[in-house]
Amino acid sequence: MRSTGYRRTVAALSVCSLALAASACGSGDDTASGKTRITVNCMPPKSAKVDRRFFEQDIASFEKQNPDIDVVAHDAFPCQDPKTFDAKLAGGQMEDVFYTYFTDAKHVVDINQAADLTPYVKELKNYDSLQQQLRDIYTVDGKIYGIPRTGYSMGLIYNKKLFAKAGLDPEQPPATWEELRADAKKIAALGDGTVGYADYSAQNQGGWHFTAELYSQGGDVVSPDGKKATIDTPEGRAVLQNLHDMRWTDDSMGSKQLLVINDVQQMMGSGKLGMYLSAPDNIPILVKEKGGDYKDLALAPMPGGEGTLIGGDGYMVNKKASPDQIRAGLKWLDHMFLRPGAGFLGDYSRAKKADAPVGLPEPRLFTGAADTKDQQVKKANANVPVENYQAFLDGNQSLKMKIEPPHAQQLYSVLDGAVSAVLTKKDADIDQLLKDASGKIDGILARS
């Protein structure tokens, strides 16, 4: 599941509309006026003015450097709609170079809709410098089918101002769920509508956070072979019991439940929430859209000390693309996303001039000399209080990084029911909720 969207300024992403003719998406003819023509998606919409301008600038500079390539970009919202994604692939309406979540990679390969990039990646200047765990996500049976673009890992956003007001040390965020529960209770005791800890419990987002909380305690949603649910365990029970007790025993989660991301962001931005789980890219939204202040917002690693959920995105190439289109597509990806300290996501100097946040602790895309260069440029242009995120960076070093489970959205829908039940029903039967959810997940996995 994507955390918020673009990592700098907006949550909006894009995709080619199903209403477009097939020739406007995946290309049948790969030449246009003697040029190799490629269609690409995930262009920021016009409403995202800054990102749209950056994207257009980078395409223009790419075409100037590669006059034999014509890039046709499509925009809409969102970048990838799970409800129409498979239909676009099956109907031949997917772009030549198309956006995917990490969790899509194997599925797209399984339904035979991705081009094998293995013979071509050697032409990418910086492919070998990408983090191995990110490259592995798009590698299936030893063959390479995609290029990672960004990643995120979950952590705990907290309000330093409320911590201090509640008599807590703002430089010592909770490291365990027991500590988080105690801190949340003290923050809620401030009164005046203040909530200690908030969590999502609707629109599949409750299941997403259940998974993150389960990972943090060393548990998992499905077995290693992907065939059975593994939530009816002491770890799964601990997740639901903790939420239930904070809601009903401590009264530290507030009375309003069935929250989604926008609700919780609004609470944090208005200064009425102490803590919630999120990725770093929530922080600029809290400031720019919800009224928060960078100096008050800090980020800690996931409580529990065992693991954290990671996600992200990248691009794959349509199986119908010609060899020339594959090469052109990889050149475009290299130019846009894989240049340390440059490109759409890496031009930190340009971002700073546009008053976009620079210095948030995103997981690093590169290794070695490429990473060193990228970090140097980022540090030189940082315009947010990076010290507020040091605990997150330090703590992540010892956590196991775990990708979302297979069939994530279907599983999250099931888990939503368990999370919402414990937050809305004081007498919720946790054992029965886990048993019922396990049966439903087993059914989903059996049908896959």
Protein backbone atom coordinates (compact mmCIF):
# COMPACT_ATOMS: atom_id res chain seq x y z
CA MET A 1 0.00 0.00 0.00
CA ARG A 2 1.34 3.39 -0.89
CA SER A 3 1.91 5.64 2.13
CA THR A 4 0.88 9.00 0.70
CA GLY A 5 2.09 9.55 -2.83
CA TYR A 6 4.85 11.73 -4.20
CA ARG A 7 7.56 11.97 -1.65
CA ARG A 8 7.95 15.71 -1.78
CA THR A 9 4.88 17.87 -2.19
CA VAL A 10 1.61 16.13 -2.96
CA ALA A 11 -0.24 12.88 -2.57
CA ALA A 12 -1.50 12.84 -6.16
CA LEU A 13 -0.26 10.28 -8.65
CA SER A 14 -1.40 9.43 -12.17
CA VAL A 15 -2.38 6.84 -14.77
CA CYS A 16 -3.65 6.70 -18.33
CA SER A 17 -7.45 6.56 -18.41
CA LEU A 18 -9.14 3.39 -19.56
CA ALA A 19 -11.15 5.58 -21.88
CA LEU A 20 -8.06 6.25 -23.98
CA ALA A 21 -7.71 4.20 -27.09
CA ALA A 22 -5.18 1.40 -26.97
CA SER A 23 -2.95 3.26 -29.39
CA ALA A 24 -2.71 6.12 -26.90
CA CYS A 25 -1.40 3.85 -24.15
CA GLY A 26 0.68 0.81 -25.08
CA SER A 27 2.24 1.50 -28.46
CA GLY A 28 1.67 -0.75 -31.41
CA ASP A 29 3.89 1.40 -33.62
CA ASP A 30 7.12 2.32 -31.83
CA THR A 31 8.17 5.04 -34.25
CA ALA A 32 6.96 8.59 -34.61
CA SER A 33 8.56 10.75 -37.30
CA GLY A 34 11.57 8.49 -37.32
CA LYS A 35 11.82 8.50 -33.52
CA THR A 36 11.26 5.70 -31.04
CA ARG A 37 8.02 6.58 -29.28
CA ILE A 38 7.25 5.46 -25.72
CA THR A 39 4.20 6.11 -23.57
CA VAL A 40 4.73 6.47 -19.82
CA ASN A 41 2.38 7.04 -16.89
CA CYS A 42 2.46 8.50 -13.40
CA MET A 43 2.82 12.06 -14.63
CA PRO A 44 1.72 14.46 -11.86
CA PRO A 45 -1.69 16.02 -12.57
CA LYS A 46 -2.01 19.71 -13.39
CA SER A 47 -3.30 20.36 -9.87
CA ALA A 48 0.13 19.38 -8.53
CA LYS A 49 1.78 22.40 -10.11
CA VAL A 50 5.30 22.04 -8.75
CA ASP A 51 5.70 18.33 -9.43
CA ARG A 52 4.04 18.73 -12.84
CA ARG A 53 6.55 21.42 -13.77
CA PHE A 54 9.49 19.32 -12.60
CA PHE A 55 8.25 16.29 -14.53
CA GLU A 56 7.81 18.28 -17.72
CA GLN A 57 11.23 19.88 -17.32
CA ASP A 58 12.88 16.49 -16.95
CA ILE A 59 11.12 15.02 -19.98
CA ALA A 60 12.17 18.05 -22.03
CA SER A 61 15.81 17.70 -20.96
CA PHE A 62 15.70 13.97 -21.69
CA GLU A 63 14.32 14.50 -25.20
CA LYS A 64 16.94 17.18 -25.85
CA GLN A 65 19.69 14.73 -24.88
CA ASN A 66 17.99 11.91 -26.81
CA PRO A 67 16.52 13.49 -29.97
CA ASP A 68 15.72 10.04 -31.35
CA ILE A 69 13.20 9.32 -28.54
CA ASP A 70 9.69 10.75 -28.19
CA VAL A 71 8.15 10.48 -24.69
CA VAL A 72 4.37 10.71 -24.38
CA ALA A 73 3.33 11.05 -20.73
CA HIS A 74 -0.17 10.35 -19.38
CA ASP A 75 -1.67 11.77 -16.22
CA ALA A 76 -4.80 11.09 -14.16
CA PHE A 77 -5.46 10.01 -10.58
CA PRO A 78 -4.15 7.78 -9.10
CA CYS A 79 -0.95 6.40 -10.65
CA GLN A 80 -2.34 2.92 -10.36
CA ASP A 81 -5.93 2.07 -9.56
CA PRO A 82 -6.14 -1.53 -8.28
CA LYS A 83 -9.71 -1.75 -9.62
CA THR A 84 -8.65 -1.16 -13.24
CA PHE A 85 -5.00 -2.21 -13.27
CA ASP A 86 -5.51 -5.79 -14.47
CA ALA A 87 -8.14 -4.72 -17.00
CA LYS A 88 -5.73 -2.26 -18.58
CA LEU A 89 -3.05 -4.93 -18.81
CA ALA A 90 -5.37 -7.55 -20.26
CA GLY A 91 -6.99 -5.10 -22.65
CA GLY A 92 -3.73 -3.91 -24.16
CA GLN A 93 -4.26 -0.37 -22.86
CA MET A 94 -1.30 -0.17 -20.51
CA GLU A 95 1.48 2.27 -21.29
CA ASP A 96 4.82 1.04 -22.60
CA VAL A 97 6.49 2.00 -19.31
CA PHE A 98 4.07 1.73 -16.40
CA TYR A 99 4.02 2.42 -12.67
CA THR A 100 3.61 -0.42 -10.16
CA TYR A 101 3.60 -0.91 -6.41
CA PHE A 102 6.21 -3.34 -5.09
CA THR A 103 3.41 -5.82 -4.41
CA ASP A 104 2.44 -5.84 -8.10
CA ALA A 105 5.71 -7.14 -9.48
CA LYS A 106 5.24 -10.89 -9.21
CA HIS A 107 1.58 -10.69 -10.19
CA VAL A 108 2.34 -8.82 -13.43
CA VAL A 109 4.96 -11.43 -14.28
CA ASP A 110 2.61 -14.30 -13.38
CA ILE A 111 -0.03 -13.05 -15.83
CA ASN A 112 2.64 -12.63 -18.52
CA GLN A 113 2.30 -8.88 -19.01
CA ALA A 114 5.88 -7.73 -18.32
CA ALA A 115 8.86 -7.52 -20.64
CA ASP A 116 12.00 -9.34 -19.54
CA LEU A 117 14.55 -6.57 -18.95
CA THR A 118 17.45 -8.85 -18.07
CA PRO A 119 19.32 -8.45 -21.40
CA TYR A 120 18.97 -4.66 -21.23
CA VAL A 121 19.70 -3.56 -17.65
CA LYS A 122 23.43 -3.50 -18.32
CA GLU A 123 22.66 -0.36 -20.35
CA LEU A 124 21.39 1.38 -17.20
CA LYS A 125 24.17 3.51 -15.75
CA ASN A 126 23.18 3.15 -12.10
CA TYR A 127 21.30 -0.14 -11.88
CA ASP A 128 24.12 -1.94 -10.06
CA SER A 129 24.23 0.82 -7.43
CA LEU A 130 20.59 0.33 -6.41
CA GLN A 131 19.85 -1.33 -3.08
CA GLN A 132 19.87 -5.10 -3.59
CA GLN A 133 16.67 -5.66 -1.59
CA LEU A 134 14.86 -3.23 -3.90
CA ARG A 135 16.23 -4.85 -7.04
CA ASP A 136 15.15 -8.24 -5.70
CA ILE A 137 11.51 -7.11 -5.57
CA TYR A 138 11.42 -6.89 -9.36
CA THR A 139 13.45 -10.05 -9.92
CA VAL A 140 11.37 -13.20 -10.50
CA ASP A 141 12.97 -16.61 -11.12
CA GLY A 142 16.29 -14.94 -11.77
CA LYS A 143 14.97 -12.54 -14.41
CA ILE A 144 14.61 -8.77 -14.05
CA TYR A 145 11.19 -7.30 -14.82
CA GLY A 146 11.23 -3.83 -13.29
CA ILE A 147 13.18 -0.91 -11.90
CA PRO A 148 12.57 0.39 -8.35
CA ARG A 149 11.93 4.12 -8.02
CA THR A 150 11.23 4.85 -4.34
CA GLY A 151 10.80 3.02 -1.07
CA TYR A 152 9.33 3.74 2.33
CA SER A 153 9.40 2.15 5.75
CA MET A 154 6.89 2.62 8.55
CA GLY A 155 7.72 4.42 11.75
CA LEU A 156 6.04 6.41 14.53
CA ILE A 157 5.31 10.10 14.03
CA TYR A 158 4.95 11.96 17.31
CA ASN A 159 4.30 15.49 18.49
CA LYS A 160 7.27 16.75 20.53
CA LYS A 161 5.25 19.66 21.89
CA LEU A 162 2.57 17.38 23.35
CA PHE A 163 5.23 15.04 24.74
CA ALA A 164 6.80 17.91 26.67
CA LYS A 165 3.41 19.19 27.83
CA ALA A 166 2.56 15.71 29.17
CA GLY A 167 5.83 15.54 31.12
CA LEU A 168 7.47 13.10 28.67
CA ASP A 169 10.95 13.47 27.19
CA PRO A 170 10.56 14.55 23.52
CA GLU A 171 13.96 13.03 22.77
CA GLN A 172 12.94 9.61 24.10
CA PRO A 173 10.06 8.24 22.01
CA PRO A 174 8.55 4.90 23.06
CA ALA A 175 10.58 1.87 22.00
CA THR A 176 8.02 -0.78 22.97
CA TRP A 177 4.25 -1.07 22.70
CA GLU A 178 4.07 -1.04 26.49
CA GLU A 179 5.88 2.30 26.54
CA LEU A 180 3.68 3.64 23.75
CA ARG A 181 0.57 2.69 25.71
CA ALA A 182 1.86 4.46 28.83
CA ASP A 183 2.84 7.59 26.88
CA ALA A 184 -0.49 7.68 25.04
CA LYS A 185 -2.35 7.59 28.35
CA LYS A 186 -0.38 10.56 29.70
CA ILE A 187 -0.95 12.58 26.53
CA ALA A 188 -4.69 11.84 26.52
CA ALA A 189 -4.83 13.00 30.15
CA LEU A 190 -4.06 16.53 28.94
CA GLY A 191 -7.75 16.73 28.03
CA ASP A 192 -9.29 19.33 25.72
CA GLY A 193 -9.89 16.70 23.04
CA THR A 194 -6.29 15.51 22.96
CA VAL A 195 -5.78 11.92 21.75
CA GLY A 196 -2.73 9.94 22.76
CA TYR A 197 -2.57 7.47 19.87
CA ALA A 198 -4.71 7.05 16.75
CA ASP A 199 -4.97 4.25 14.25
CA TYR A 200 -6.74 3.56 10.96
CA SER A 201 -9.57 1.03 10.82
CA ALA A 202 -11.35 1.47 7.47
CA GLN A 203 -10.82 1.38 3.69
CA ASN A 204 -8.20 -1.40 3.98
CA GLN A 205 -5.98 0.98 5.97
CA GLY A 206 -6.74 -0.78 9.26
CA GLY A 207 -5.48 -4.04 7.78
CA TRP A 208 -2.39 -2.28 6.49
CA HIS A 209 -1.55 -0.99 9.97
CA PHE A 210 -2.42 -4.30 11.61
CA THR A 211 0.21 -5.84 9.34
CA ALA A 212 2.79 -3.20 10.29
CA GLU A 213 2.09 -3.69 13.99
CA LEU A 214 2.30 -7.46 13.59
CA TYR A 215 5.67 -7.15 11.84
CA SER A 216 6.91 -4.91 14.64
CA GLN A 217 6.34 -7.75 17.13
CA GLY A 218 7.99 -10.41 15.00
CA GLY A 219 4.79 -11.86 13.52
CA ASP A 220 3.64 -12.34 9.95
CA VAL A 221 0.34 -12.35 8.07
CA VAL A 222 0.93 -15.42 5.90
CA SER A 223 3.24 -18.43 6.02
CA PRO A 224 6.55 -18.33 4.10
CA ASP A 225 5.04 -20.41 1.29
CA GLY A 226 2.13 -17.97 1.00
CA LYS A 227 -0.51 -20.66 1.52
CA LYS A 228 -1.81 -20.15 5.08
CA ALA A 229 -2.74 -17.28 7.38
CA THR A 230 -0.46 -16.80 10.40
CA ILE A 231 -2.36 -14.11 12.31
CA ASP A 232 -4.05 -16.34 14.91
CA THR A 233 -0.90 -16.27 17.03
CA PRO A 234 0.31 -14.64 20.26
CA GLU A 235 1.68 -11.77 18.16
CA GLY A 236 -1.62 -11.23 16.33
CA ARG A 237 -3.51 -11.42 19.60
CA ALA A 238 -1.14 -8.86 21.15
CA VAL A 239 -1.84 -6.37 18.35
CA LEU A 240 -5.60 -6.49 18.83
CA GLN A 241 -5.45 -6.67 22.61
CA ASN A 242 -3.23 -3.61 22.78
CA LEU A 243 -5.58 -1.59 20.57
CA HIS A 244 -8.59 -2.76 22.56
CA ASP A 245 -7.01 -1.85 25.89
CA MET A 246 -5.85 1.58 24.77
CA ARG A 247 -9.34 2.29 23.41
CA TRP A 248 -11.49 0.94 26.26
CA THR A 249 -9.31 0.69 29.39
CA ASP A 250 -7.04 3.71 28.96
CA ASP A 251 -9.36 5.89 26.83
CA SER A 252 -6.23 7.13 25.07
CA MET A 253 -7.47 6.69 21.47
CA GLY A 254 -10.52 8.96 21.61
CA SER A 255 -14.15 8.02 21.00
CA LYS A 256 -14.21 8.64 17.24
CA GLN A 257 -13.14 5.53 15.35
CA LEU A 258 -13.25 4.04 11.83
CA LEU A 259 -10.59 6.59 10.96
CA VAL A 260 -8.63 6.77 7.71
CA ILE A 261 -5.39 8.51 6.86
CA ASN A 262 -6.88 11.97 6.25
CA ASP A 263 -8.66 11.94 9.63
CA VAL A 264 -5.51 11.09 11.53
CA GLN A 265 -3.39 13.58 9.60
CA GLN A 266 -5.89 16.30 10.43
CA MET A 267 -5.70 15.42 14.13
CA MET A 268 -1.91 15.50 14.12
CA GLY A 269 -1.68 18.69 12.08
CA SER A 270 -4.06 20.50 14.44
CA GLY A 271 -1.94 19.58 17.46
CA LYS A 272 -4.52 17.27 19.04
CA LEU A 273 -2.75 13.94 18.52
CA GLY A 274 0.32 12.56 20.21
CA MET A 275 1.32 9.62 17.97
CA TYR A 276 0.43 7.53 14.94
CA LEU A 277 2.16 5.10 12.59
CA SER A 278 3.28 6.42 9.23
CA ALA A 279 6.09 6.78 6.75
CA PRO A 280 8.24 9.94 6.53
CA ASP A 281 6.32 11.28 3.55
CA ASN A 282 3.39 12.11 5.83
CA ILE A 283 5.40 14.91 7.44
CA PRO A 284 5.23 17.51 4.63
CA ILE A 285 1.50 16.86 4.23
CA LEU A 286 1.01 17.50 7.94
CA VAL A 287 2.77 20.84 7.54
CA LYS A 288 1.61 22.05 4.14
CA GLU A 289 -1.97 20.82 4.22
CA LYS A 290 -2.92 20.20 7.86
CA GLY A 291 -1.40 23.12 9.74
CA GLY A 292 1.48 21.35 11.49
CA ASP A 293 4.98 22.68 12.18
CA TYR A 294 8.17 20.86 11.20
CA LYS A 295 9.83 21.64 14.52
CA ASP A 296 7.06 19.85 16.47
CA LEU A 297 6.98 16.69 14.34
CA ALA A 298 9.47 13.92 15.00
CA LEU A 299 9.85 10.39 13.72
CA ALA A 300 10.82 7.28 15.68
CA PRO A 301 11.26 3.65 14.59
CA MET A 302 8.40 1.18 14.93
CA PRO A 303 7.82 0.21 18.57
CA GLY A 304 8.45 -3.46 19.27
CA GLY A 305 11.98 -3.67 17.94
CA GLU A 306 11.48 -6.67 15.64
CA GLY A 307 10.55 -5.39 12.21
CA THR A 308 8.92 -2.76 10.05
CA LEU A 309 6.76 -2.80 6.97
CA ILE A 310 8.36 -1.48 3.81
CA GLY A 311 6.75 -0.57 0.53
CA GLY A 312 7.40 1.50 -2.50
CA ASP A 313 7.08 1.65 -6.24
CA GLY A 314 8.83 1.32 -9.53
CA TYR A 315 8.26 0.85 -13.22
CA MET A 316 7.82 -2.17 -15.44
CA VAL A 317 7.74 -2.39 -19.24
CA ASN A 318 4.84 -3.69 -21.31
CA LYS A 319 5.47 -7.13 -22.79
CA LYS A 320 4.40 -5.74 -26.18
CA ALA A 321 7.20 -3.18 -26.22
CA SER A 322 9.80 -3.58 -28.96
CA PRO A 323 13.53 -3.86 -28.13
CA ASP A 324 13.97 -0.21 -29.16
CA GLN A 325 11.14 0.82 -26.85
CA ILE A 326 12.61 -1.17 -23.96
CA ARG A 327 15.96 0.54 -24.43
CA ALA A 328 14.30 3.95 -24.72
CA GLY A 329 12.18 3.27 -21.63
CA LEU A 330 15.19 2.30 -19.55
CA LYS A 331 17.06 5.40 -20.71
CA TRP A 332 14.09 7.50 -19.61
CA LEU A 333 13.92 5.81 -16.20
CA ASP A 334 17.63 6.31 -15.74
CA HIS A 335 17.31 10.02 -16.51
CA MET A 336 14.21 10.60 -14.40
CA PHE A 337 14.82 8.56 -11.28
CA LEU A 338 18.24 6.92 -11.09
CA ARG A 339 20.65 9.88 -11.09
CA PRO A 340 22.10 10.60 -7.63
CA GLY A 341 21.33 14.17 -6.62
CA ALA A 342 19.45 14.84 -9.86
CA GLY A 343 16.27 13.97 -11.74
CA PHE A 344 12.62 14.19 -10.78
CA LEU A 345 13.00 12.96 -7.19
CA GLY A 346 16.68 13.70 -6.65
CA ASP A 347 17.18 17.32 -7.68
CA TYR A 348 17.27 18.58 -4.11
CA SER A 349 18.47 22.04 -5.07
CA ARG A 350 15.49 22.53 -7.37
CA ALA A 351 13.14 21.17 -4.71
CA LYS A 352 14.52 23.54 -2.08
CA LYS A 353 14.07 26.55 -4.37
CA ALA A 354 10.43 25.50 -4.83
CA ASP A 355 9.99 25.33 -1.04
CA ALA A 356 9.55 21.55 -1.13
CA PRO A 357 10.90 19.67 1.91
CA VAL A 358 14.43 18.29 1.58
CA GLY A 359 16.01 16.11 4.25
CA LEU A 360 13.19 13.70 5.14
CA PRO A 361 14.54 10.25 6.04
CA GLU A 362 13.41 8.22 3.03
CA PRO A 363 15.04 4.80 2.67
CA ARG A 364 18.10 5.10 0.50
CA LEU A 365 17.77 4.04 -3.11
CA PHE A 366 21.50 3.81 -3.85
CA THR A 367 24.61 2.22 -2.39
CA GLY A 368 28.32 3.02 -2.58
CA ALA A 369 29.58 6.12 -4.36
CA ALA A 370 26.14 6.86 -5.82
CA ASP A 371 24.64 6.91 -2.32
CA THR A 372 27.44 9.12 -1.02
CA LYS A 373 26.82 11.66 -3.79
CA ASP A 374 23.06 11.59 -3.31
CA GLN A 375 23.34 12.09 0.45
CA GLN A 376 25.86 14.92 0.06
CA VAL A 377 23.56 16.86 -2.25
CA LYS A 378 20.58 16.14 -0.01
CA LYS A 379 22.38 17.30 3.14
CA ALA A 380 23.58 20.48 1.44
CA ASN A 381 20.01 21.42 0.58
CA ALA A 382 18.18 20.20 3.69
CA ASN A 383 15.47 22.63 4.83
CA VAL A 384 13.73 20.55 7.53
CA PRO A 385 14.93 19.73 11.09
CA VAL A 386 16.79 16.52 10.26
CA GLU A 387 17.66 16.00 13.94
CA ASN A 388 13.98 15.19 14.55
CA TYR A 389 14.37 12.03 12.44
CA GLN A 390 17.66 10.68 13.77
CA ALA A 391 15.97 8.20 16.12
CA PHE A 392 14.11 6.73 13.13
CA LEU A 393 17.29 6.38 11.09
CA ASP A 394 19.24 4.85 13.98
CA GLY A 395 16.47 2.48 15.06
CA ASN A 396 15.79 1.18 11.56
CA GLN A 397 19.29 -0.27 11.40
CA SER A 398 18.31 -3.13 13.70
CA LEU A 399 14.80 -3.82 12.31
CA LYS A 400 13.88 -6.52 9.82
CA MET A 401 12.52 -4.88 6.68
CA LYS A 402 9.44 -6.76 5.48
CA ILE A 403 7.42 -6.16 2.33
CA GLU A 404 3.63 -6.28 2.32
CA PRO A 405 1.99 -9.72 2.13
CA PRO A 406 0.75 -11.27 -1.14
CA HIS A 407 -2.75 -10.18 -2.21
CA ALA A 408 -2.28 -7.33 0.23
CA GLN A 409 -5.43 -5.35 -0.54
CA GLN A 410 -7.70 -8.39 -0.20
CA LEU A 411 -6.06 -9.37 3.07
CA TYR A 412 -6.23 -5.83 4.40
CA SER A 413 -9.95 -5.76 3.71
CA VAL A 414 -10.37 -8.84 5.91
CA LEU A 415 -8.15 -7.45 8.66
CA ASP A 416 -10.03 -4.14 8.63
CA GLY A 417 -12.94 -6.00 10.18
CA ALA A 418 -10.88 -7.27 13.10
CA VAL A 419 -9.29 -3.89 13.82
CA SER A 420 -12.55 -1.96 13.56
CA ALA A 421 -14.28 -4.46 15.84
CA VAL A 422 -11.88 -4.04 18.76
CA LEU A 423 -12.03 -0.25 18.40
CA THR A 424 -15.83 -0.01 18.26
CA LYS A 425 -16.99 -2.92 20.45
CA LYS A 426 -15.86 -3.11 24.05
CA ASP A 427 -16.86 -6.77 24.27
CA ALA A 428 -15.18 -7.81 21.00
CA ASP A 429 -14.03 -11.45 21.07
CA ILE A 430 -10.42 -11.22 19.93
CA ASP A 431 -9.90 -14.97 19.65
CA GLN A 432 -12.97 -15.34 17.42
CA LEU A 433 -11.99 -12.33 15.31
CA LEU A 434 -8.58 -13.85 14.61
CA LYS A 435 -10.09 -17.26 13.87
CA ASP A 436 -12.63 -15.81 11.45
CA ALA A 437 -10.06 -13.60 9.70
CA SER A 438 -7.68 -16.55 9.36
CA GLY A 439 -10.35 -18.60 7.63
CA LYS A 440 -11.12 -15.82 5.17
CA ILE A 441 -7.43 -15.26 4.41
CA ASP A 442 -6.90 -18.99 3.86
CA GLY A 443 -9.73 -18.86 1.33
CA ILE A 444 -8.14 -15.94 -0.53
CA LEU A 445 -4.76 -17.68 -0.63
CA ALA A 446 -6.32 -20.96 -1.81
CA ARG A 447 -7.96 -19.21 -4.76
CA SER A 448 -4.78 -17.49 -5.89
